Amino acid sequence: MSTPGSGSDNKLLIFGSGMNLREGSLPVLECAPDSILIVDSQEQLATAANLSFVQMLGLDLCDMDGISFQLRELVHPDDQHRMLHFDEYPDEETFEVRFIGVSNDIVAASASARSFKTVDGREHNVYFFRHTENIRALEQRLQDEIETQKRRTVEAVRSSLRIYQLTEKMRATPKLSTVLLEVQSENDVFEGATAFLQSEGLNYSGVAFYLHDGDLLRQRHGTDGDFPETRPLNEDSKYRRFLDTGEQPSGDDDSRLASITTKGGLTGIMEVVLDPRERHFLSENRLVERWHHDILETIAEMLGLCLENIRLYEELRLQTIMDALTGCHNRHFLVSQMEKEVERTARTGRPLSLIFIDVDGFKEVNDTYGHAQGDLALQEISRELLVAVRTTDFVCRYGGDEFVLILPETDMESAEARAEGLRERIESLDFTPIDESVPTGAVALTISVGLASSSGRSAHQLLQVADAALYGAKRQGKNRVIRLQDSATAGEAEGILTPQ
């Protein structure tokens, strides 16, 4: 038998002696998609049914040919009253009913009913049934479809939000240039970039900057506690894989990387940490992930250019304040720094001392072994001075073979002890002969040292007093440390140093 439907495939079967339907009723009933049963309401006899109803109960058409049957033979006893008296429930458009099918199987259906009269005036009820299992299957399909549409809607909303967030990152990126215009040092670059990357629009939960150092990456700046101080660059490292192939971290790793380069090549790596939901979204949208990586590369490129400019500026600045031969500060820096230190001493009342050094016998070394040997000797002396001072002290080349040491927060007694230590250090230094024919120890130099302390003096006066003390050390036999009385002025220096 074909699948029940409309038209002749769902024709109405008349049982018993027949039923006088009004003209036009039969085609209408046969077009209905539901299972139909017509019952004589007075005798409770089933007088007609369509094929869909017969198939729903699994009845045999051969056994039904020309035979009407009682309603109670089809309907479960507990539901017969609802079938016969459906008009007692006016608020219910449908009701549930159970049929007894072949082999006493229970078939549940959802029913609705209407009353009508045949041509001969007999009262009949027509019932329309839908198999509950079919209804539930349809409901499940509809529910599944609704859930599918919900998921698609949610994913669409999520995608829209992520794309919006990505757009916000794109819009925010150019603002970094404004941040970088205000930086003065490399540390300012990394601090400003970290704050920028965690600001509204970019919203990275963690940020770290690593500088390349051989087979390691050393953290230069990072959000507190999120990143270790060093990262390995071995073959198993995600950083090594990224540098070699451009491969980004995968799996549960929420970080993304971008290389920072300058004209000198690789400078370091920028690492940012995504929200896990954003990472999941990017991993499923390759084009969007590419756009995101382009944003990070743009930011890293801007940082690289900024670092390059700062380093170039620092190099030029050092050239203006550093002595190229010795690596000490030059005379220009000495004058400027002296003014600052004297001003600070006057403001705080803390002591300030000056050590003025002249190399004994330097002219003889130049005359005997040449200026190259003299330059090497000055470099070796400078290294000793730079090693011996504190980080708060300043070693300056005054000119030729003269050096000045600025010692902030150092009184005269401490300065004298330190000057004596420097004198002994240079006296015991084995200078390197530049010519192999010159025997070891042939190049021997000492220093004469003059001391001065602030005592309310100006920078110029302090330098004059130290210079006068140095002159006294030279006059008294060299290779010695001389200090003037704390109250001495440059004009009094000659009298103090001349024996009475």
Protein backbone atom coordinates (compact mmCIF):
# COMPACT_ATOMS: atom_id res chain seq x y z
CA MET A 1 0.00 0.00 0.00
CA SER A 2 1.38 3.46 -0.86
CA THR A 3 2.24 6.05 1.72
CA PRO A 4 -0.88 7.80 3.01
CA GLY A 5 -1.39 11.30 1.76
CA SER A 6 -3.97 13.41 0.04
CA GLY A 7 -6.12 12.48 -2.90
CA SER A 8 -6.82 8.87 -3.88
CA ASP A 9 -3.89 7.52 -1.83
CA ASN A 10 -5.89 8.40 1.27
CA LYS A 11 -9.37 7.36 0.07
CA LEU A 12 -12.26 6.92 2.44
CA LEU A 13 -13.42 3.36 3.09
CA ILE A 14 -17.15 2.85 3.84
CA PHE A 15 -18.05 0.03 6.21
CA GLY A 16 -21.28 -1.88 6.65
CA SER A 17 -24.41 -0.96 4.69
CA GLY A 18 -23.04 2.41 3.74
CA MET A 19 -23.41 5.99 4.77
CA ASN A 20 -25.22 8.73 2.88
CA LEU A 21 -22.78 11.64 2.76
CA ARG A 22 -23.72 15.00 1.37
CA GLU A 23 -22.52 15.69 -2.13
CA GLY A 24 -18.92 16.91 -2.20
CA SER A 25 -18.06 15.65 1.30
CA LEU A 26 -16.10 12.58 0.17
CA PRO A 27 -13.44 14.47 -1.87
CA VAL A 28 -12.96 16.93 0.99
CA LEU A 29 -12.40 14.14 3.51
CA GLU A 30 -10.05 12.26 1.19
CA CYS A 31 -7.91 15.38 0.81
CA ALA A 32 -7.32 15.61 4.55
CA PRO A 33 -3.73 14.61 5.59
CA ASP A 34 -4.90 13.19 8.94
CA SER A 35 -6.12 9.71 9.85
CA ILE A 36 -9.95 9.86 9.79
CA LEU A 37 -12.61 7.73 11.49
CA ILE A 38 -16.38 8.36 11.16
CA VAL A 39 -18.67 6.96 13.87
CA ASP A 40 -22.44 6.72 14.08
CA SER A 41 -22.90 8.51 17.37
CA GLN A 42 -26.19 6.74 18.20
CA GLU A 43 -25.07 3.15 17.64
CA GLN A 44 -21.32 3.80 18.28
CA LEU A 45 -20.50 2.00 15.04
CA ALA A 46 -17.50 2.83 12.93
CA THR A 47 -19.02 3.51 9.51
CA ALA A 48 -15.99 4.83 7.58
CA ALA A 49 -12.23 5.39 7.82
CA ASN A 50 -9.47 6.43 5.46
CA LEU A 51 -6.36 4.44 4.54
CA SER A 52 -4.18 6.48 6.85
CA PHE A 53 -6.29 5.38 9.85
CA VAL A 54 -6.20 1.74 8.76
CA GLN A 55 -2.40 1.87 8.44
CA MET A 56 -2.02 3.67 11.77
CA LEU A 57 -3.69 0.71 13.56
CA GLY A 58 -2.14 -1.92 11.30
CA LEU A 59 -5.58 -3.30 10.30
CA ASP A 60 -6.12 -5.75 7.43
CA LEU A 61 -8.33 -4.28 4.70
CA CYS A 62 -9.51 -7.72 3.65
CA ASP A 63 -11.04 -8.38 7.07
CA MET A 64 -12.81 -5.00 7.02
CA ASP A 65 -14.50 -5.27 3.64
CA GLY A 66 -18.16 -4.38 4.10
CA ILE A 67 -18.09 -4.88 7.88
CA SER A 68 -18.86 -2.14 10.38
CA PHE A 69 -17.65 -2.54 13.92
CA GLN A 70 -18.18 -1.14 17.37
CA LEU A 71 -16.08 1.78 18.54
CA ARG A 72 -15.19 -0.09 21.75
CA GLU A 73 -13.42 -2.73 19.65
CA LEU A 74 -10.88 -0.07 18.57
CA VAL A 75 -10.53 2.34 21.52
CA HIS A 76 -8.94 1.69 24.89
CA PRO A 77 -11.69 1.37 27.51
CA ASP A 78 -10.38 4.32 29.54
CA ASP A 79 -10.58 6.66 26.51
CA GLN A 80 -13.99 5.65 25.06
CA HIS A 81 -15.83 8.27 27.08
CA ARG A 82 -13.57 11.04 25.74
CA MET A 83 -14.23 9.85 22.20
CA LEU A 84 -18.01 9.81 22.57
CA HIS A 85 -18.39 12.92 24.68
CA PHE A 86 -15.72 15.22 23.27
CA ASP A 87 -18.27 18.06 23.25
CA GLU A 88 -18.10 18.14 27.06
CA TYR A 89 -14.63 19.65 26.81
CA PRO A 90 -15.22 22.87 24.84
CA ASP A 91 -11.92 24.41 25.88
CA GLU A 92 -9.92 21.55 24.46
CA GLU A 93 -9.33 21.69 20.75
CA THR A 94 -7.54 18.34 20.85
CA PHE A 95 -7.46 15.37 23.21
CA GLU A 96 -5.31 12.29 23.59
CA VAL A 97 -6.71 8.85 22.81
CA ARG A 98 -5.32 5.32 22.78
CA PHE A 99 -6.34 2.65 20.28
CA ILE A 100 -5.97 -1.11 20.51
CA GLY A 101 -4.17 -2.22 17.38
CA VAL A 102 -3.30 -5.63 16.05
CA SER A 103 -1.69 -7.99 18.59
CA ASN A 104 -3.22 -5.72 21.27
CA ASP A 105 -0.61 -3.04 20.64
CA ILE A 106 -1.43 0.36 22.10
CA VAL A 107 -1.37 3.17 19.52
CA ALA A 108 -1.48 6.71 20.95
CA ALA A 109 -2.83 9.60 18.90
CA SER A 110 -3.81 13.20 19.23
CA ALA A 111 -7.47 13.69 18.21
CA SER A 112 -9.97 16.35 17.33
CA ALA A 113 -13.64 15.79 16.42
CA ARG A 114 -16.65 17.39 14.80
CA SER A 115 -20.32 16.39 14.64
CA PHE A 116 -22.35 16.29 11.41
CA LYS A 117 -25.48 14.76 9.98
CA THR A 118 -25.72 12.54 6.94
CA VAL A 119 -28.34 13.01 4.23
CA ASP A 120 -30.73 10.71 6.05
CA GLY A 121 -30.43 12.83 9.21
CA ARG A 122 -28.38 10.46 11.28
CA GLU A 123 -25.89 12.04 13.75
CA HIS A 124 -22.23 11.13 13.13
CA ASN A 125 -18.89 12.16 14.59
CA VAL A 126 -15.85 12.57 12.41
CA TYR A 127 -12.50 12.17 14.17
CA PHE A 128 -9.14 13.40 12.93
CA PHE A 129 -6.08 11.67 14.36
CA ARG A 130 -2.36 12.23 14.27
CA HIS A 131 -0.09 9.46 15.48
CA THR A 132 1.60 10.69 18.67
CA GLU A 133 4.90 9.15 17.66
CA ASN A 134 4.79 11.07 14.40
CA ILE A 135 3.91 14.23 16.27
CA ARG A 136 6.73 13.70 18.71
CA ALA A 137 9.14 12.96 15.90
CA LEU A 138 8.02 16.15 14.17
CA GLU A 139 8.29 18.10 17.41
CA GLN A 140 11.78 16.70 17.95
CA ARG A 141 12.79 17.63 14.44
CA LEU A 142 11.41 21.10 14.99
CA GLN A 143 13.17 21.36 18.35
CA ASP A 144 16.42 20.17 16.81
CA GLU A 145 16.03 22.71 14.06
CA ILE A 146 15.33 25.44 16.61
CA GLU A 147 18.44 24.44 18.58
CA THR A 148 20.47 24.39 15.38
CA GLN A 149 19.24 27.85 14.49
CA LYS A 150 20.00 29.02 18.03
CA ARG A 151 23.55 27.73 17.77
CA ARG A 152 23.97 29.35 14.39
CA THR A 153 22.58 32.60 15.74
CA VAL A 154 24.87 32.46 18.77
CA GLU A 155 27.86 31.69 16.56
CA ALA A 156 26.90 34.52 14.25
CA VAL A 157 26.65 36.89 17.22
CA ARG A 158 29.95 35.63 18.59
CA SER A 159 31.59 36.03 15.20
CA SER A 160 30.19 39.53 14.93
CA LEU A 161 31.52 40.37 18.38
CA ARG A 162 34.96 38.92 17.61
CA ILE A 163 35.11 40.73 14.29
CA TYR A 164 34.04 43.89 16.11
CA GLN A 165 36.82 43.32 18.63
CA LEU A 166 39.28 42.77 15.81
CA THR A 167 38.07 45.96 14.18
CA GLU A 168 38.62 47.77 17.46
CA LYS A 169 42.18 46.42 17.56
CA MET A 170 42.73 47.73 14.04
CA ARG A 171 41.34 51.13 14.99
CA ALA A 172 43.43 51.28 18.18
CA THR A 173 46.76 50.29 16.61
CA PRO A 174 47.62 53.70 15.03
CA LYS A 175 47.21 55.30 18.47
CA LEU A 176 50.41 53.55 19.55
CA SER A 177 52.41 56.06 17.51
CA THR A 178 51.07 58.82 19.78
CA VAL A 179 52.19 56.86 22.84
CA LEU A 180 55.67 56.29 21.37
CA LEU A 181 56.15 59.97 20.57
CA GLU A 182 56.41 60.67 24.31
CA VAL A 183 58.95 58.00 25.26
CA GLN A 184 62.50 58.92 26.30
CA SER A 185 64.10 55.53 26.86
CA GLU A 186 63.78 51.85 25.97
CA ASN A 187 62.12 51.21 29.30
CA ASP A 188 59.52 53.87 28.44
CA VAL A 189 58.89 52.06 25.14
CA PHE A 190 58.10 48.73 26.79
CA GLU A 191 56.08 50.23 29.65
CA GLY A 192 54.03 52.35 27.26
CA ALA A 193 53.48 49.48 24.85
CA THR A 194 52.38 47.16 27.68
CA ALA A 195 49.82 49.67 28.93
CA PHE A 196 48.64 50.24 25.37
CA LEU A 197 48.20 46.52 24.62
CA GLN A 198 46.10 46.08 27.76
CA SER A 199 44.00 49.18 27.13
CA GLU A 200 40.40 49.24 25.90
CA GLY A 201 40.19 48.10 22.30
CA LEU A 202 43.12 45.68 22.45
CA ASN A 203 42.39 44.07 25.82
CA TYR A 204 45.22 41.50 25.95
CA SER A 205 45.26 39.86 29.37
CA GLY A 206 49.07 39.46 29.46
CA VAL A 207 52.00 41.09 27.68
CA ALA A 208 55.76 40.41 27.69
CA PHE A 209 58.74 41.69 25.73
CA TYR A 210 61.82 39.49 25.36
CA LEU A 211 65.19 40.62 24.01
CA HIS A 212 67.31 38.21 22.02
CA ASP A 213 70.45 37.07 23.87
CA GLY A 214 72.20 34.17 22.14
CA ASP A 215 70.23 30.98 22.75
CA LEU A 216 67.94 32.73 25.24
CA LEU A 217 65.22 35.33 25.32
CA ARG A 218 65.50 37.61 28.35
CA GLN A 219 62.42 39.39 29.60
CA ARG A 220 62.79 43.15 29.36
CA HIS A 221 59.30 43.97 30.53
CA GLY A 222 56.12 42.02 31.28
CA THR A 223 52.90 42.02 33.26
CA ASP A 224 53.56 40.95 36.82
CA GLY A 225 53.88 37.23 37.47
CA ASP A 226 52.70 36.12 34.04
CA PHE A 227 56.04 35.35 32.42
CA PRO A 228 59.42 33.93 33.47
CA GLU A 229 62.61 35.99 33.29
CA THR A 230 64.13 33.88 30.50
CA ARG A 231 62.83 31.71 27.69
CA PRO A 232 64.91 29.04 25.91
CA LEU A 233 65.48 29.11 22.17
CA ASN A 234 66.07 25.37 21.75
CA GLU A 235 64.46 23.37 18.97
CA ASP A 236 61.50 22.36 21.17
CA SER A 237 60.71 25.95 22.10
CA LYS A 238 57.60 27.57 20.65
CA TYR A 239 59.71 30.69 20.20
CA ARG A 240 62.26 28.81 18.09
CA ARG A 241 59.48 27.32 15.94
CA PHE A 242 57.95 30.74 15.51
CA LEU A 243 61.25 32.33 14.46
CA ASP A 244 62.07 29.48 12.07
CA THR A 245 58.67 28.85 10.47
CA GLY A 246 56.27 31.54 11.69
CA GLU A 247 54.23 28.87 13.52
CA GLN A 248 52.04 30.31 16.27
CA PRO A 249 51.42 28.47 19.59
CA SER A 250 48.61 25.91 19.39
CA GLY A 251 46.50 23.69 21.63
CA ASP A 252 45.64 25.23 24.99
CA ASP A 253 48.32 27.93 24.67
CA ASP A 254 46.50 31.26 24.47
CA SER A 255 49.58 33.33 23.55
CA ARG A 256 50.46 34.90 20.20
CA LEU A 257 53.94 36.04 19.11
CA ALA A 258 55.43 38.75 16.89
CA SER A 259 59.11 39.42 16.21
CA ILE A 260 60.66 42.82 16.93
CA THR A 261 63.40 43.71 14.46
CA THR A 262 65.71 46.65 13.86
CA LYS A 263 68.34 47.30 11.21
CA GLY A 264 70.65 45.03 13.15
CA GLY A 265 68.23 42.09 12.74
CA LEU A 266 66.17 40.30 15.37
CA THR A 267 65.92 42.35 18.54
CA GLY A 268 63.33 40.36 20.45
CA ILE A 269 59.84 38.89 20.60
CA MET A 270 56.55 40.39 21.72
CA GLU A 271 54.19 37.93 23.39
CA VAL A 272 50.53 38.66 24.13
CA VAL A 273 47.95 36.46 25.85
CA LEU A 274 44.43 36.19 24.38
CA ASP A 275 41.15 35.51 26.08
CA PRO A 276 40.57 31.73 25.58
CA ARG A 277 37.31 32.43 23.74
CA GLU A 278 39.08 34.78 21.37
CA ARG A 279 41.80 32.20 20.76
CA HIS A 280 39.15 29.57 19.96
CA PHE A 281 37.44 31.96 17.55
CA LEU A 282 40.72 32.79 15.78
CA SER A 283 41.67 29.12 15.47
CA GLU A 284 38.41 28.46 13.61
CA ASN A 285 38.70 31.48 11.32
CA ARG A 286 42.03 31.42 9.49
CA LEU A 287 41.48 34.64 7.58
CA VAL A 288 40.56 36.55 10.74
CA GLU A 289 43.57 35.00 12.52
CA ARG A 290 45.79 36.26 9.69
CA TRP A 291 44.33 39.74 10.13
CA HIS A 292 45.00 39.52 13.86
CA HIS A 293 48.60 38.49 13.28
CA ASP A 294 49.00 41.40 10.85
CA ILE A 295 47.93 43.73 13.66
CA LEU A 296 50.54 42.27 16.02
CA GLU A 297 53.23 42.50 13.34
CA THR A 298 52.33 46.15 12.74
CA ILE A 299 52.63 46.89 16.46
CA ALA A 300 55.95 45.01 16.67
CA GLU A 301 57.25 46.88 13.62
CA MET A 302 56.36 50.21 15.22
CA LEU A 303 58.17 49.19 18.40
CA GLY A 304 61.23 48.11 16.41
CA LEU A 305 61.40 51.47 14.65
CA CYS A 306 60.99 53.31 17.95
CA LEU A 307 63.73 51.25 19.63
CA GLU A 308 66.01 51.88 16.67
CA ASN A 309 65.47 55.64 16.91
CA ILE A 310 66.05 55.65 20.67
CA ARG A 311 69.26 53.65 20.32
CA LEU A 312 70.48 55.93 17.55
CA TYR A 313 69.67 58.97 19.67
CA GLU A 314 71.43 57.42 22.66
CA GLU A 315 74.47 56.66 20.52
CA LEU A 316 74.62 60.26 19.32
CA ARG A 317 74.07 61.54 22.84
CA LEU A 318 76.91 59.41 24.18
CA GLN A 319 79.17 60.71 21.44
CA THR A 320 78.58 64.23 22.75
CA ILE A 321 79.34 63.36 26.37
CA MET A 322 81.83 60.46 26.14
CA ASP A 323 85.54 60.45 25.35
CA ALA A 324 86.07 58.12 22.40
CA LEU A 325 89.58 56.99 23.45
CA THR A 326 89.05 56.16 27.12
CA GLY A 327 85.30 55.51 27.43
CA CYS A 328 85.10 58.09 30.24
CA HIS A 329 82.83 61.11 30.20
CA ASN A 330 84.29 64.10 28.39
CA ARG A 331 85.01 67.64 29.59
CA HIS A 332 81.67 68.94 28.31
CA PHE A 333 79.84 66.44 30.51
CA LEU A 334 82.12 67.28 33.46
CA VAL A 335 81.17 70.96 33.44
CA SER A 336 77.45 70.21 33.11
CA GLN A 337 77.39 67.49 35.77
CA MET A 338 79.46 69.56 38.21
CA GLU A 339 76.83 72.31 38.10
CA LYS A 340 74.08 69.78 38.85
CA GLU A 341 75.97 68.15 41.73
CA VAL A 342 76.92 71.45 43.37
CA GLU A 343 73.30 72.61 43.13
CA ARG A 344 72.09 69.38 44.69
CA THR A 345 74.67 69.64 47.49
CA ALA A 346 73.54 73.18 48.27
CA ARG A 347 69.91 71.98 48.36
CA THR A 348 70.38 68.81 50.43
CA GLY A 349 73.44 69.66 52.52
CA ARG A 350 75.03 66.36 51.54
CA PRO A 351 78.83 66.39 50.90
CA LEU A 352 80.48 66.43 47.49
CA SER A 353 84.15 65.75 46.74
CA LEU A 354 86.36 65.99 43.69
CA ILE A 355 89.45 63.99 42.73
CA PHE A 356 91.75 65.59 40.16
CA ILE A 357 94.30 63.17 38.60
CA ASP A 358 97.34 63.76 36.44
CA VAL A 359 99.43 60.89 35.01
CA ASP A 360 103.09 61.17 36.04
CA GLY A 361 105.64 60.58 33.26
CA PHE A 362 103.08 60.44 30.47
CA LYS A 363 105.04 62.82 28.21
CA GLU A 364 108.14 60.61 28.54
CA VAL A 365 106.16 57.54 27.48
CA ASN A 366 104.90 59.36 24.39
CA ASP A 367 108.39 60.61 23.54
CA THR A 368 110.06 57.23 24.13
CA TYR A 369 107.51 54.70 22.83
CA GLY A 370 105.18 56.81 20.69
CA HIS A 371 101.67 58.14 20.99
CA ALA A 372 100.06 54.75 20.33
CA GLN A 373 101.70 53.45 23.51
CA GLY A 374 100.52 56.55 25.34
CA ASP A 375 96.95 56.02 24.14
CA LEU A 376 97.02 52.39 25.28
CA ALA A 377 98.33 53.44 28.69
CA LEU A 378 95.48 55.98 29.05
CA GLN A 379 92.96 53.27 28.16
CA GLU A 380 94.36 50.92 30.79
CA ILE A 381 94.33 53.67 33.44
CA SER A 382 90.74 54.55 32.49
CA ARG A 383 89.62 50.94 32.91
CA GLU A 384 91.10 50.86 36.40
CA LEU A 385 89.34 54.09 37.33
CA LEU A 386 85.98 52.97 35.94
CA VAL A 387 86.17 49.64 37.76
CA ALA A 388 87.02 51.28 41.08
CA VAL A 389 84.17 53.84 41.26
CA ARG A 390 80.58 53.45 42.36
CA THR A 391 77.64 53.60 39.96
CA THR A 392 76.79 57.02 41.38
CA ASP A 393 80.28 58.41 40.65
CA PHE A 394 81.46 59.96 37.39
CA VAL A 395 84.87 59.49 35.75
CA CYS A 396 85.70 62.28 33.29
CA ARG A 397 88.68 62.90 31.04
CA TYR A 398 89.59 66.54 31.60
CA GLY A 399 92.05 66.62 28.74
CA GLY A 400 95.34 64.96 27.71
CA ASP A 401 96.47 62.82 30.66
CA GLU A 402 94.21 64.47 33.25
CA PHE A 403 91.10 62.94 34.80
CA VAL A 404 88.47 64.27 37.21
CA LEU A 405 86.30 62.06 39.43
CA ILE A 406 83.03 63.49 40.79
CA LEU A 407 82.04 61.76 44.06
CA PRO A 408 78.50 62.71 45.20
CA GLU A 409 77.68 62.30 48.91
CA THR A 410 81.35 61.74 49.77
CA ASP A 411 83.20 63.75 52.44
CA MET A 412 86.89 64.67 52.27
CA GLU A 413 88.11 61.82 54.48
CA SER A 414 86.34 59.20 52.37
CA ALA A 415 87.52 60.83 49.16
CA GLU A 416 91.12 60.84 50.43
CA ALA A 417 90.96 57.13 51.27
CA ARG A 418 89.57 56.30 47.86
CA ALA A 419 92.14 58.51 46.11
CA GLU A 420 94.94 56.73 47.94
CA GLY A 421 93.52 53.39 46.82
CA LEU A 422 93.48 54.58 43.19
CA ARG A 423 97.08 55.81 43.46
CA GLU A 424 98.22 52.41 44.75
CA ARG A 425 96.22 50.62 42.07
CA ILE A 426 97.87 52.56 39.23
CA GLU A 427 101.33 52.32 40.81
CA SER A 428 101.09 48.51 40.81
CA LEU A 429 99.58 48.26 37.31
CA ASP A 430 101.56 46.32 34.70
CA PHE A 431 101.15 48.36 31.55
CA THR A 432 101.05 46.45 28.28
CA PRO A 433 103.92 47.26 25.85
CA ILE A 434 102.56 47.92 22.39
CA ASP A 435 105.86 46.87 20.83
CA GLU A 436 107.04 43.31 21.51
CA SER A 437 110.62 44.56 21.64
CA VAL A 438 109.80 46.66 24.72
CA PRO A 439 110.44 44.62 27.87
CA THR A 440 107.65 44.05 30.39
CA GLY A 441 107.68 46.69 33.09
CA ALA A 442 109.43 49.26 30.91
CA VAL A 443 106.25 51.30 30.73
CA ALA A 444 105.68 52.48 34.29
CA LEU A 445 103.32 55.30 35.24
CA THR A 446 101.95 56.76 38.45
CA ILE A 447 99.38 59.43 39.25
CA SER A 448 99.37 62.59 41.27
CA VAL A 449 96.05 63.41 42.94
CA GLY A 450 94.50 66.61 44.22
CA LEU A 451 91.36 66.65 46.38
CA ALA A 452 88.68 69.23 47.08
CA SER A 453 85.30 69.19 48.83
CA SER A 454 82.29 71.41 48.31
CA SER A 455 82.21 73.59 51.47
CA GLY A 456 79.86 76.03 49.75
CA ARG A 457 82.06 76.49 46.70
CA SER A 458 80.77 76.89 43.18
CA ALA A 459 81.55 74.25 40.57
CA HIS A 460 84.29 76.42 39.09
CA GLN A 461 85.85 77.12 42.50
CA LEU A 462 85.74 73.45 43.47
CA LEU A 463 87.57 72.51 40.30
CA GLN A 464 90.16 75.26 40.87
CA VAL A 465 90.91 74.09 44.42
CA ALA A 466 91.29 70.46 43.26
CA ASP A 467 93.57 71.63 40.44
CA ALA A 468 95.68 73.63 42.91
CA ALA A 469 95.98 70.57 45.19
CA LEU A 470 97.06 68.49 42.18
CA TYR A 471 99.72 71.08 41.35
CA GLY A 472 100.94 70.79 44.93
CA ALA A 473 101.21 67.00 44.59
CA LYS A 474 103.32 67.46 41.46
CA ARG A 475 105.62 69.96 43.21
CA GLN A 476 106.07 67.68 46.21
CA GLY A 477 107.42 64.76 44.19
CA LYS A 478 104.47 63.24 42.29
CA ASN A 479 102.79 59.86 42.95
CA ARG A 480 100.98 61.24 45.96
CA VAL A 481 97.60 62.52 47.17
CA ILE A 482 97.26 66.11 48.39
CA ARG A 483 94.24 67.75 50.00
CA LEU A 484 93.82 71.42 50.83
CA GLN A 485 92.17 72.72 53.95
CA ASP A 486 88.40 72.51 53.50
CA SER A 487 88.14 76.31 53.67
CA ALA A 488 90.95 77.02 51.18
CA THR A 489 90.27 79.00 48.04
CA ALA A 490 92.12 78.79 44.77
CA GLY A 491 93.87 82.08 45.54
CA GLU A 492 95.17 80.73 48.86
CA ALA A 493 96.34 77.41 47.46
CA GLU A 494 99.88 78.54 46.57
CA GLY A 495 100.57 79.78 50.09
CA ILE A 496 99.24 76.65 51.71
CA LEU A 497 101.35 74.39 49.56
CA THR A 498 104.59 76.41 49.80
CA PRO A 499 106.74 75.36 52.79
CA GLN A 500 107.23 78.16 55.33
